[in-house]
Amino acid sequence: MSEISDGLARADEQHFTRPAPKTAGARMRFLVKQLRSTRATAALLGISQRTVERYVKDQIRSPRPELAGRLEDEVRRRWQPLVRKRARDRAARQTGVVIETRARFGFTAAPGTSDDGRMRRITQHLPPEYAGRLFAAQEQGAPESTLRRIAAEGLQELYFKDHGTRAAGLTVEFSDIDYVLFDF
C-alpha cells in the first residue's frame, strides 16, 4: 500500500484552482488531449481505441467500475501540473509540510528505556528540507519504504528528539499506518 505517496497526491489536490472533469466523456477527452491520441489513451487504460472514441463522442456514458477508477486516477495524476509544481516548490523552499498521522511508532534507544511500539496520533510541521526530500523521492519513483523512512526521520528529529535537545540515540520506526494526511 502507498500511504505516503497517496497522502502527498491528496495534498496536491487541495491546490487545484479548477475542479477536474467529472463525467467519463470529459475525462476521456482530457486524456486524449494530454496524450495526443486515442491509441495512446487506449493503451494507458487497457481498452480498445474504438472504446475510447465512443467515450469521446459520449456514445458510452457509464464505464465499468475498474475502468472508472483507472480513468479517475489518470486524470487526477495529470490535472493542473503547473499548479501542483508551484505548490510543491513553495513547500520545498519556504513553508514545509504538515503531517498528521496515526501509526505505530517503535524505538531503538539506550538499554532500560521503553522501546515497545504503540499507536500514536501525531500532527507535526516538517521544515522545507524534509518536504523537498519527500517530493524529490516521490518524483524519482522511490518505493514507499523510502518515503516512509524520510517521514520517520523528520518526525524523529522534530517530534521525538525535539530538534536534538533530548533522546540523542533514539531511532524511530514508523509502521502500521492507520492514516497519513499532508498539508502544504
N, C-alpha and C. Protein backbone atom coordinates (compact mmCIF):
# COMPACT_ATOMS: atom_id res chain seq x y z
N MET A 1 0.82 -1.17 0.00
CA MET A 1 0.00 0.00 0.00
C MET A 1 0.88 1.25 0.00
N SER A 2 0.44 2.31 -0.62
CA SER A 2 1.27 3.51 -0.73
C SER A 2 0.62 4.68 0.02
N GLU A 3 0.67 4.63 1.33
CA GLU A 3 0.03 5.64 2.17
C GLU A 3 0.68 7.01 2.01
N ILE A 4 1.99 7.07 2.04
CA ILE A 4 2.70 8.35 1.98
C ILE A 4 2.52 8.99 0.60
N SER A 5 2.73 8.22 -0.44
CA SER A 5 2.58 8.73 -1.80
C SER A 5 1.16 9.20 -2.07
N ASP A 6 0.17 8.41 -1.64
CA ASP A 6 -1.22 8.80 -1.82
C ASP A 6 -1.56 10.04 -1.00
N GLY A 7 -1.00 10.15 0.20
CA GLY A 7 -1.22 11.34 1.02
C GLY A 7 -0.67 12.60 0.38
N LEU A 8 0.50 12.50 -0.23
CA LEU A 8 1.07 13.65 -0.93
C LEU A 8 0.23 14.02 -2.15
N ALA A 9 -0.30 13.01 -2.85
CA ALA A 9 -1.15 13.29 -4.01
C ALA A 9 -2.45 13.96 -3.59
N ARG A 10 -3.04 13.53 -2.47
CA ARG A 10 -4.26 14.17 -1.98
C ARG A 10 -3.99 15.61 -1.55
N ALA A 11 -2.82 15.87 -1.00
CA ALA A 11 -2.47 17.24 -0.61
C ALA A 11 -2.32 18.13 -1.84
N ASP A 12 -1.82 17.57 -2.93
CA ASP A 12 -1.73 18.32 -4.19
C ASP A 12 -3.10 18.83 -4.62
N GLU A 13 -4.10 17.99 -4.48
CA GLU A 13 -5.44 18.32 -4.96
C GLU A 13 -6.05 19.52 -4.24
N GLN A 14 -5.58 19.83 -3.05
CA GLN A 14 -6.09 21.00 -2.32
C GLN A 14 -5.70 22.30 -3.00
N HIS A 15 -4.72 22.28 -3.86
CA HIS A 15 -4.21 23.48 -4.52
C HIS A 15 -4.80 23.69 -5.91
N PHE A 16 -5.61 22.76 -6.39
CA PHE A 16 -6.19 22.90 -7.72
C PHE A 16 -7.07 24.15 -7.76
N THR A 17 -6.99 24.88 -8.85
CA THR A 17 -7.78 26.10 -8.99
C THR A 17 -9.10 25.84 -9.72
N ARG A 18 -9.21 24.71 -10.40
CA ARG A 18 -10.44 24.32 -11.08
C ARG A 18 -10.71 22.86 -10.76
N PRO A 19 -11.99 22.47 -10.73
CA PRO A 19 -12.29 21.06 -10.49
C PRO A 19 -11.92 20.20 -11.70
N ALA A 20 -11.50 19.00 -11.44
CA ALA A 20 -11.18 18.06 -12.51
C ALA A 20 -12.47 17.61 -13.20
N PRO A 21 -12.40 17.15 -14.44
CA PRO A 21 -13.60 16.68 -15.14
C PRO A 21 -14.30 15.57 -14.36
N LYS A 22 -15.62 15.59 -14.38
CA LYS A 22 -16.39 14.63 -13.60
C LYS A 22 -16.96 13.48 -14.44
N THR A 23 -17.41 13.76 -15.65
CA THR A 23 -18.05 12.71 -16.45
C THR A 23 -16.99 11.87 -17.17
N ALA A 24 -17.38 10.67 -17.53
CA ALA A 24 -16.46 9.77 -18.23
C ALA A 24 -16.04 10.36 -19.57
N GLY A 25 -16.95 10.97 -20.29
CA GLY A 25 -16.62 11.57 -21.58
C GLY A 25 -15.65 12.72 -21.44
N ALA A 26 -15.88 13.58 -20.48
CA ALA A 26 -14.98 14.72 -20.26
C ALA A 26 -13.60 14.25 -19.82
N ARG A 27 -13.56 13.24 -18.96
CA ARG A 27 -12.27 12.69 -18.54
C ARG A 27 -11.52 12.07 -19.72
N MET A 28 -12.24 11.35 -20.54
CA MET A 28 -11.61 10.71 -21.69
C MET A 28 -11.09 11.77 -22.67
N ARG A 29 -11.87 12.81 -22.92
CA ARG A 29 -11.43 13.89 -23.81
C ARG A 29 -10.18 14.57 -23.25
N PHE A 30 -10.13 14.76 -21.96
CA PHE A 30 -8.95 15.35 -21.33
C PHE A 30 -7.72 14.47 -21.55
N LEU A 31 -7.87 13.17 -21.33
CA LEU A 31 -6.73 12.26 -21.52
C LEU A 31 -6.28 12.21 -22.98
N VAL A 32 -7.24 12.19 -23.90
CA VAL A 32 -6.88 12.17 -25.32
C VAL A 32 -6.11 13.44 -25.67
N LYS A 33 -6.53 14.57 -25.13
CA LYS A 33 -5.83 15.83 -25.39
C LYS A 33 -4.42 15.80 -24.79
N GLN A 34 -4.29 15.26 -23.58
CA GLN A 34 -2.98 15.19 -22.93
C GLN A 34 -2.03 14.24 -23.64
N LEU A 35 -2.53 13.10 -24.03
CA LEU A 35 -1.69 12.07 -24.66
C LEU A 35 -1.62 12.21 -26.17
N ARG A 36 -2.44 13.09 -26.73
CA ARG A 36 -2.43 13.45 -28.15
C ARG A 36 -2.90 12.35 -29.10
N SER A 37 -3.51 11.29 -28.58
CA SER A 37 -4.07 10.28 -29.48
C SER A 37 -5.00 9.35 -28.71
N THR A 38 -5.95 8.81 -29.45
CA THR A 38 -6.84 7.83 -28.84
C THR A 38 -6.13 6.50 -28.63
N ARG A 39 -5.15 6.22 -29.48
CA ARG A 39 -4.40 4.97 -29.35
C ARG A 39 -3.60 4.95 -28.04
N ALA A 40 -2.90 6.05 -27.75
CA ALA A 40 -2.11 6.11 -26.51
C ALA A 40 -3.02 6.06 -25.29
N THR A 41 -4.17 6.71 -25.36
CA THR A 41 -5.13 6.69 -24.26
C THR A 41 -5.65 5.27 -24.04
N ALA A 42 -5.97 4.58 -25.12
CA ALA A 42 -6.45 3.20 -25.03
C ALA A 42 -5.39 2.30 -24.41
N ALA A 43 -4.14 2.47 -24.82
CA ALA A 43 -3.06 1.65 -24.25
C ALA A 43 -2.88 1.94 -22.76
N LEU A 44 -2.98 3.20 -22.38
CA LEU A 44 -2.83 3.58 -20.98
C LEU A 44 -3.91 2.94 -20.11
N LEU A 45 -5.15 2.94 -20.61
CA LEU A 45 -6.28 2.45 -19.82
C LEU A 45 -6.55 0.96 -20.00
N GLY A 46 -5.90 0.33 -20.99
CA GLY A 46 -6.10 -1.09 -21.22
C GLY A 46 -7.43 -1.41 -21.89
N ILE A 47 -7.88 -0.53 -22.77
CA ILE A 47 -9.12 -0.75 -23.51
C ILE A 47 -8.84 -0.53 -25.00
N SER A 48 -9.84 -0.77 -25.83
CA SER A 48 -9.62 -0.62 -27.27
C SER A 48 -9.72 0.85 -27.68
N GLN A 49 -9.09 1.14 -28.79
CA GLN A 49 -9.12 2.50 -29.34
C GLN A 49 -10.55 2.90 -29.68
N ARG A 50 -11.32 1.97 -30.19
CA ARG A 50 -12.72 2.26 -30.55
C ARG A 50 -13.54 2.61 -29.30
N THR A 51 -13.28 1.97 -28.20
CA THR A 51 -13.98 2.29 -26.96
C THR A 51 -13.66 3.71 -26.52
N VAL A 52 -12.40 4.11 -26.64
CA VAL A 52 -12.02 5.48 -26.31
C VAL A 52 -12.79 6.45 -27.19
N GLU A 53 -12.86 6.16 -28.48
CA GLU A 53 -13.57 7.04 -29.40
C GLU A 53 -15.05 7.16 -29.03
N ARG A 54 -15.64 6.08 -28.57
CA ARG A 54 -17.05 6.10 -28.17
C ARG A 54 -17.25 6.97 -26.92
N TYR A 55 -16.33 6.89 -25.97
CA TYR A 55 -16.41 7.76 -24.79
C TYR A 55 -16.25 9.22 -25.18
N VAL A 56 -15.33 9.51 -26.08
CA VAL A 56 -15.09 10.89 -26.52
C VAL A 56 -16.35 11.47 -27.15
N LYS A 57 -17.07 10.67 -27.92
CA LYS A 57 -18.30 11.13 -28.59
C LYS A 57 -19.53 11.01 -27.68
N ASP A 58 -19.34 10.62 -26.42
CA ASP A 58 -20.43 10.42 -25.46
C ASP A 58 -21.42 9.36 -25.91
N GLN A 59 -20.97 8.37 -26.67
CA GLN A 59 -21.82 7.25 -27.04
C GLN A 59 -21.89 6.23 -25.91
N ILE A 60 -20.84 6.21 -25.08
CA ILE A 60 -20.83 5.41 -23.86
C ILE A 60 -20.70 6.40 -22.72
N ARG A 61 -21.52 6.25 -21.70
CA ARG A 61 -21.50 7.23 -20.61
C ARG A 61 -21.09 6.64 -19.26
N SER A 62 -21.30 5.36 -19.07
CA SER A 62 -21.03 4.74 -17.77
C SER A 62 -19.96 3.66 -17.91
N PRO A 63 -18.75 3.94 -17.47
CA PRO A 63 -17.69 2.92 -17.56
C PRO A 63 -17.86 1.85 -16.48
N ARG A 64 -17.26 0.70 -16.73
CA ARG A 64 -17.21 -0.35 -15.72
C ARG A 64 -16.48 0.20 -14.50
N PRO A 65 -16.74 -0.32 -13.31
CA PRO A 65 -16.12 0.22 -12.10
C PRO A 65 -14.59 0.25 -12.13
N GLU A 66 -13.96 -0.82 -12.66
CA GLU A 66 -12.49 -0.83 -12.70
C GLU A 66 -11.95 0.20 -13.68
N LEU A 67 -12.63 0.38 -14.81
CA LEU A 67 -12.21 1.40 -15.77
C LEU A 67 -12.46 2.80 -15.20
N ALA A 68 -13.57 2.98 -14.51
CA ALA A 68 -13.87 4.28 -13.91
C ALA A 68 -12.77 4.68 -12.92
N GLY A 69 -12.29 3.73 -12.13
CA GLY A 69 -11.21 4.00 -11.17
C GLY A 69 -9.91 4.38 -11.86
N ARG A 70 -9.55 3.61 -12.90
CA ARG A 70 -8.32 3.91 -13.64
C ARG A 70 -8.42 5.27 -14.33
N LEU A 71 -9.58 5.55 -14.90
CA LEU A 71 -9.80 6.82 -15.59
C LEU A 71 -9.67 7.99 -14.63
N GLU A 72 -10.29 7.87 -13.47
CA GLU A 72 -10.20 8.94 -12.47
C GLU A 72 -8.76 9.13 -11.98
N ASP A 73 -8.06 8.04 -11.73
CA ASP A 73 -6.67 8.13 -11.26
C ASP A 73 -5.77 8.81 -12.29
N GLU A 74 -5.92 8.44 -13.55
CA GLU A 74 -5.06 9.02 -14.60
C GLU A 74 -5.35 10.50 -14.81
N VAL A 75 -6.62 10.89 -14.72
CA VAL A 75 -6.96 12.31 -14.87
C VAL A 75 -6.39 13.10 -13.69
N ARG A 76 -6.57 12.58 -12.48
CA ARG A 76 -6.03 13.28 -11.30
C ARG A 76 -4.51 13.42 -11.36
N ARG A 77 -3.86 12.40 -11.85
CA ARG A 77 -2.40 12.42 -11.94
C ARG A 77 -1.91 13.50 -12.90
N ARG A 78 -2.71 13.81 -13.91
CA ARG A 78 -2.29 14.77 -14.94
C ARG A 78 -2.95 16.14 -14.81
N TRP A 79 -3.87 16.32 -13.89
CA TRP A 79 -4.63 17.56 -13.80
C TRP A 79 -3.78 18.68 -13.19
N GLN A 80 -3.75 19.81 -13.83
CA GLN A 80 -3.07 21.04 -13.43
C GLN A 80 -1.64 20.81 -12.91
N PRO A 81 -0.76 20.34 -13.77
CA PRO A 81 0.61 20.05 -13.33
C PRO A 81 1.38 21.29 -12.90
N LEU A 82 1.13 22.44 -13.50
CA LEU A 82 1.86 23.65 -13.11
C LEU A 82 1.42 24.15 -11.74
N VAL A 83 0.15 24.05 -11.44
CA VAL A 83 -0.35 24.44 -10.12
C VAL A 83 0.26 23.53 -9.06
N ARG A 84 0.27 22.23 -9.35
CA ARG A 84 0.86 21.25 -8.43
C ARG A 84 2.35 21.53 -8.21
N LYS A 85 3.08 21.80 -9.29
CA LYS A 85 4.52 22.05 -9.20
C LYS A 85 4.80 23.32 -8.40
N ARG A 86 4.02 24.36 -8.63
CA ARG A 86 4.21 25.61 -7.91
C ARG A 86 3.99 25.43 -6.40
N ALA A 87 2.95 24.69 -6.02
CA ALA A 87 2.67 24.45 -4.61
C ALA A 87 3.78 23.60 -3.97
N ARG A 88 4.25 22.59 -4.68
CA ARG A 88 5.33 21.75 -4.14
C ARG A 88 6.64 22.54 -4.01
N ASP A 89 6.94 23.38 -5.01
CA ASP A 89 8.16 24.18 -4.93
C ASP A 89 8.12 25.14 -3.74
N ARG A 90 6.96 25.75 -3.52
CA ARG A 90 6.82 26.66 -2.38
C ARG A 90 7.01 25.91 -1.06
N ALA A 91 6.44 24.71 -0.97
CA ALA A 91 6.59 23.91 0.25
C ALA A 91 8.03 23.47 0.44
N ALA A 92 8.72 23.11 -0.65
CA ALA A 92 10.10 22.62 -0.55
C ALA A 92 11.09 23.75 -0.27
N ARG A 93 10.73 24.98 -0.60
CA ARG A 93 11.66 26.10 -0.40
C ARG A 93 11.32 26.97 0.80
N GLN A 94 10.03 27.10 1.13
CA GLN A 94 9.64 28.10 2.12
C GLN A 94 8.83 27.55 3.29
N THR A 95 7.71 26.89 2.99
CA THR A 95 6.74 26.62 4.04
C THR A 95 6.84 25.25 4.70
N GLY A 96 7.36 24.26 4.01
CA GLY A 96 7.39 22.91 4.55
C GLY A 96 6.03 22.25 4.43
N VAL A 97 5.87 21.12 5.11
CA VAL A 97 4.60 20.38 5.10
C VAL A 97 4.18 20.07 6.52
N VAL A 98 2.89 19.90 6.70
CA VAL A 98 2.35 19.43 7.97
C VAL A 98 1.91 18.00 7.74
N ILE A 99 2.37 17.11 8.60
CA ILE A 99 1.97 15.71 8.51
C ILE A 99 1.11 15.39 9.72
N GLU A 100 -0.01 14.76 9.45
CA GLU A 100 -0.87 14.26 10.52
C GLU A 100 -1.01 12.78 10.28
N THR A 101 -0.72 11.98 11.30
CA THR A 101 -0.75 10.55 11.12
C THR A 101 -1.18 9.85 12.40
N ARG A 102 -1.72 8.69 12.21
CA ARG A 102 -1.95 7.75 13.31
C ARG A 102 -1.29 6.47 12.87
N ALA A 103 -0.23 6.11 13.60
CA ALA A 103 0.56 4.95 13.21
C ALA A 103 1.25 4.39 14.44
N ARG A 104 1.87 3.25 14.24
CA ARG A 104 2.65 2.63 15.32
C ARG A 104 4.07 3.16 15.23
N PHE A 105 4.55 3.68 16.34
CA PHE A 105 5.92 4.17 16.43
C PHE A 105 6.66 3.32 17.44
N GLY A 106 7.73 2.69 16.99
CA GLY A 106 8.60 1.92 17.86
C GLY A 106 9.95 2.60 17.91
N PHE A 107 10.75 2.27 18.90
CA PHE A 107 12.00 2.98 19.11
C PHE A 107 13.15 2.02 19.32
N THR A 108 14.30 2.44 18.90
CA THR A 108 15.54 1.79 19.25
C THR A 108 16.32 2.82 20.05
N ALA A 109 16.56 2.53 21.31
CA ALA A 109 17.18 3.53 22.18
C ALA A 109 18.10 2.82 23.18
N ALA A 110 18.59 3.59 24.12
CA ALA A 110 19.52 3.07 25.13
C ALA A 110 18.84 1.98 25.96
N PRO A 111 19.64 1.03 26.51
CA PRO A 111 19.07 -0.04 27.33
C PRO A 111 18.32 0.54 28.53
N GLY A 112 17.24 -0.14 28.89
CA GLY A 112 16.47 0.28 30.04
C GLY A 112 15.33 1.25 29.70
N THR A 113 15.20 1.62 28.45
CA THR A 113 14.12 2.53 28.07
C THR A 113 12.99 1.72 27.44
N SER A 114 11.85 2.30 27.39
CA SER A 114 10.68 1.65 26.79
C SER A 114 10.75 1.81 25.28
N ASP A 115 10.94 0.68 24.58
CA ASP A 115 11.02 0.77 23.12
C ASP A 115 9.88 0.02 22.45
N ASP A 116 8.87 -0.38 23.23
CA ASP A 116 7.72 -1.06 22.64
C ASP A 116 6.94 -0.08 21.79
N GLY A 117 6.60 -0.52 20.59
CA GLY A 117 5.82 0.33 19.71
C GLY A 117 4.40 0.48 20.20
N ARG A 118 3.82 1.64 19.95
CA ARG A 118 2.42 1.86 20.28
C ARG A 118 1.82 2.83 19.28
N MET A 119 0.51 2.79 19.15
CA MET A 119 -0.19 3.68 18.24
C MET A 119 -0.18 5.09 18.81
N ARG A 120 0.19 6.03 17.96
CA ARG A 120 0.19 7.44 18.35
C ARG A 120 -0.46 8.25 17.24
N ARG A 121 -1.11 9.32 17.63
CA ARG A 121 -1.63 10.29 16.67
C ARG A 121 -0.75 11.52 16.79
N ILE A 122 -0.10 11.87 15.70
CA ILE A 122 0.87 12.97 15.71
C ILE A 122 0.54 13.94 14.59
N THR A 123 0.58 15.22 14.92
CA THR A 123 0.50 16.28 13.92
C THR A 123 1.76 17.11 14.10
N GLN A 124 2.57 17.20 13.06
CA GLN A 124 3.86 17.88 13.17
C GLN A 124 4.19 18.61 11.88
N HIS A 125 4.71 19.81 12.02
CA HIS A 125 5.19 20.56 10.86
C HIS A 125 6.60 20.07 10.54
N LEU A 126 6.83 19.69 9.30
CA LEU A 126 8.16 19.31 8.84
C LEU A 126 8.71 20.46 8.01
N PRO A 127 9.94 20.89 8.27
CA PRO A 127 10.51 22.04 7.56
C PRO A 127 10.75 21.75 6.08
N PRO A 128 11.06 22.79 5.31
CA PRO A 128 11.21 22.64 3.85
C PRO A 128 12.21 21.57 3.41
N GLU A 129 13.28 21.34 4.17
CA GLU A 129 14.24 20.33 3.72
C GLU A 129 13.64 18.93 3.69
N TYR A 130 12.77 18.59 4.64
CA TYR A 130 12.11 17.28 4.60
C TYR A 130 11.06 17.24 3.50
N ALA A 131 10.34 18.35 3.30
CA ALA A 131 9.36 18.42 2.21
C ALA A 131 10.05 18.23 0.87
N GLY A 132 11.18 18.90 0.68
CA GLY A 132 11.93 18.76 -0.56
C GLY A 132 12.40 17.33 -0.79
N ARG A 133 12.87 16.69 0.27
CA ARG A 133 13.31 15.30 0.14
C ARG A 133 12.16 14.37 -0.21
N LEU A 134 11.00 14.58 0.43
CA LEU A 134 9.82 13.76 0.12
C LEU A 134 9.39 13.92 -1.33
N PHE A 135 9.29 15.17 -1.79
CA PHE A 135 8.86 15.43 -3.16
C PHE A 135 9.86 14.88 -4.18
N ALA A 136 11.13 15.08 -3.91
CA ALA A 136 12.16 14.59 -4.84
C ALA A 136 12.13 13.07 -4.93
N ALA A 137 12.01 12.41 -3.79
CA ALA A 137 11.96 10.94 -3.80
C ALA A 137 10.72 10.44 -4.53
N GLN A 138 9.57 11.10 -4.32
CA GLN A 138 8.35 10.67 -4.99
C GLN A 138 8.46 10.87 -6.50
N GLU A 139 9.01 12.00 -6.93
CA GLU A 139 9.15 12.28 -8.37
C GLU A 139 10.11 11.31 -9.04
N GLN A 140 11.11 10.82 -8.30
CA GLN A 140 12.07 9.87 -8.86
C GLN A 140 11.54 8.43 -8.84
N GLY A 141 10.34 8.25 -8.30
CA GLY A 141 9.73 6.92 -8.26
C GLY A 141 10.26 6.05 -7.15
N ALA A 142 10.67 6.65 -6.05
CA ALA A 142 11.19 5.89 -4.92
C ALA A 142 10.10 5.00 -4.34
N PRO A 143 10.48 3.84 -3.80
CA PRO A 143 9.47 2.96 -3.21
C PRO A 143 8.87 3.58 -1.94
N GLU A 144 7.74 3.05 -1.53
CA GLU A 144 7.04 3.55 -0.35
C GLU A 144 7.92 3.50 0.90
N SER A 145 8.77 2.50 1.00
CA SER A 145 9.64 2.37 2.17
C SER A 145 10.59 3.57 2.29
N THR A 146 11.06 4.10 1.19
CA THR A 146 11.93 5.27 1.21
C THR A 146 11.16 6.51 1.68
N LEU A 147 9.95 6.70 1.15
CA LEU A 147 9.13 7.83 1.58
C LEU A 147 8.79 7.72 3.07
N ARG A 148 8.51 6.51 3.52
CA ARG A 148 8.20 6.30 4.93
C ARG A 148 9.42 6.60 5.80
N ARG A 149 10.61 6.21 5.32
CA ARG A 149 11.83 6.48 6.08
C ARG A 149 12.10 7.97 6.20
N ILE A 150 11.87 8.73 5.12
CA ILE A 150 12.08 10.18 5.16
C ILE A 150 11.11 10.83 6.14
N ALA A 151 9.84 10.42 6.10
CA ALA A 151 8.85 10.96 7.04
C ALA A 151 9.22 10.58 8.48
N ALA A 152 9.68 9.35 8.69
CA ALA A 152 10.08 8.91 10.03
C ALA A 152 11.27 9.72 10.54
N GLU A 153 12.23 10.02 9.66
CA GLU A 153 13.38 10.83 10.07
C GLU A 153 12.94 12.22 10.51
N GLY A 154 12.02 12.81 9.75
CA GLY A 154 11.51 14.13 10.12
C GLY A 154 10.80 14.11 11.45
N LEU A 155 9.93 13.13 11.66
CA LEU A 155 9.22 13.02 12.94
C LEU A 155 10.19 12.71 14.08
N GLN A 156 11.18 11.89 13.79
CA GLN A 156 12.19 11.55 14.80
C GLN A 156 12.92 12.80 15.28
N GLU A 157 13.39 13.60 14.35
CA GLU A 157 14.18 14.78 14.72
C GLU A 157 13.34 15.88 15.36
N LEU A 158 12.13 16.09 14.86
CA LEU A 158 11.35 17.23 15.33
C LEU A 158 10.40 16.89 16.47
N TYR A 159 9.76 15.76 16.42
CA TYR A 159 8.79 15.41 17.45
C TYR A 159 9.44 14.67 18.62
N PHE A 160 10.16 13.61 18.32
CA PHE A 160 10.69 12.78 19.39
C PHE A 160 11.99 13.32 19.99
N LYS A 161 12.87 13.87 19.18
CA LYS A 161 14.14 14.41 19.68
C LYS A 161 14.07 15.90 19.97
N ASP A 162 12.96 16.54 19.63
CA ASP A 162 12.75 17.97 19.88
C ASP A 162 13.93 18.80 19.39
N HIS A 163 14.22 18.69 18.11
CA HIS A 163 15.32 19.43 17.44
C HIS A 163 16.68 19.11 18.04
N GLY A 164 16.85 17.89 18.51
CA GLY A 164 18.15 17.47 19.04
C GLY A 164 18.39 17.82 20.49
N THR A 165 17.40 18.26 21.23
CA THR A 165 17.60 18.64 22.63
C THR A 165 17.39 17.48 23.60
N ARG A 166 16.90 16.36 23.13
CA ARG A 166 16.70 15.20 24.01
C ARG A 166 16.80 13.91 23.21
N ALA A 167 16.90 12.80 23.89
CA ALA A 167 16.90 11.46 23.30
C ALA A 167 17.90 11.34 22.15
N ALA A 168 19.15 11.58 22.44
CA ALA A 168 20.19 11.65 21.41
C ALA A 168 20.32 10.36 20.59
N GLY A 169 20.24 9.19 21.19
CA GLY A 169 20.47 7.95 20.46
C GLY A 169 19.20 7.29 19.94
N LEU A 170 18.11 8.00 19.93
CA LEU A 170 16.82 7.43 19.55
C LEU A 170 16.69 7.25 18.04
N THR A 171 16.20 6.09 17.62
CA THR A 171 15.85 5.84 16.23
C THR A 171 14.40 5.40 16.20
N VAL A 172 13.60 6.03 15.33
CA VAL A 172 12.16 5.80 15.29
C VAL A 172 11.80 4.88 14.13
N GLU A 173 10.91 3.93 14.40
CA GLU A 173 10.34 3.06 13.38
C GLU A 173 8.89 3.50 13.16
N PHE A 174 8.51 3.70 11.90
CA PHE A 174 7.20 4.22 11.51
C PHE A 174 6.49 3.11 10.76
N SER A 175 5.51 2.44 11.39
CA SER A 175 4.86 1.29 10.76
C SER A 175 3.37 1.26 11.10
N ASP A 176 2.68 0.28 10.55
CA ASP A 176 1.24 0.09 10.79
C ASP A 176 0.47 1.41 10.68
N ILE A 177 0.60 2.06 9.55
CA ILE A 177 -0.03 3.36 9.36
C ILE A 177 -1.54 3.18 9.25
N ASP A 178 -2.27 3.84 10.13
CA ASP A 178 -3.72 3.85 10.09
C ASP A 178 -4.17 4.87 9.04
N TYR A 179 -3.62 6.08 9.12
CA TYR A 179 -3.83 7.10 8.08
C TYR A 179 -2.69 8.09 8.15
N VAL A 180 -2.49 8.78 7.04
CA VAL A 180 -1.50 9.86 6.99
C VAL A 180 -2.04 10.94 6.05
N LEU A 181 -2.03 12.17 6.55
CA LEU A 181 -2.51 13.32 5.78
C LEU A 181 -1.39 14.34 5.71
N PHE A 182 -1.28 15.00 4.59
CA PHE A 182 -0.30 16.07 4.42
C PHE A 182 -1.03 17.34 4.07
N ASP A 183 -0.42 18.46 4.43
CA ASP A 183 -0.91 19.77 4.03
C ASP A 183 0.30 20.66 3.77
N PHE A 184 0.25 21.37 2.67
CA PHE A 184 1.33 22.31 2.37
C PHE A 184 0.79 23.46 1.56
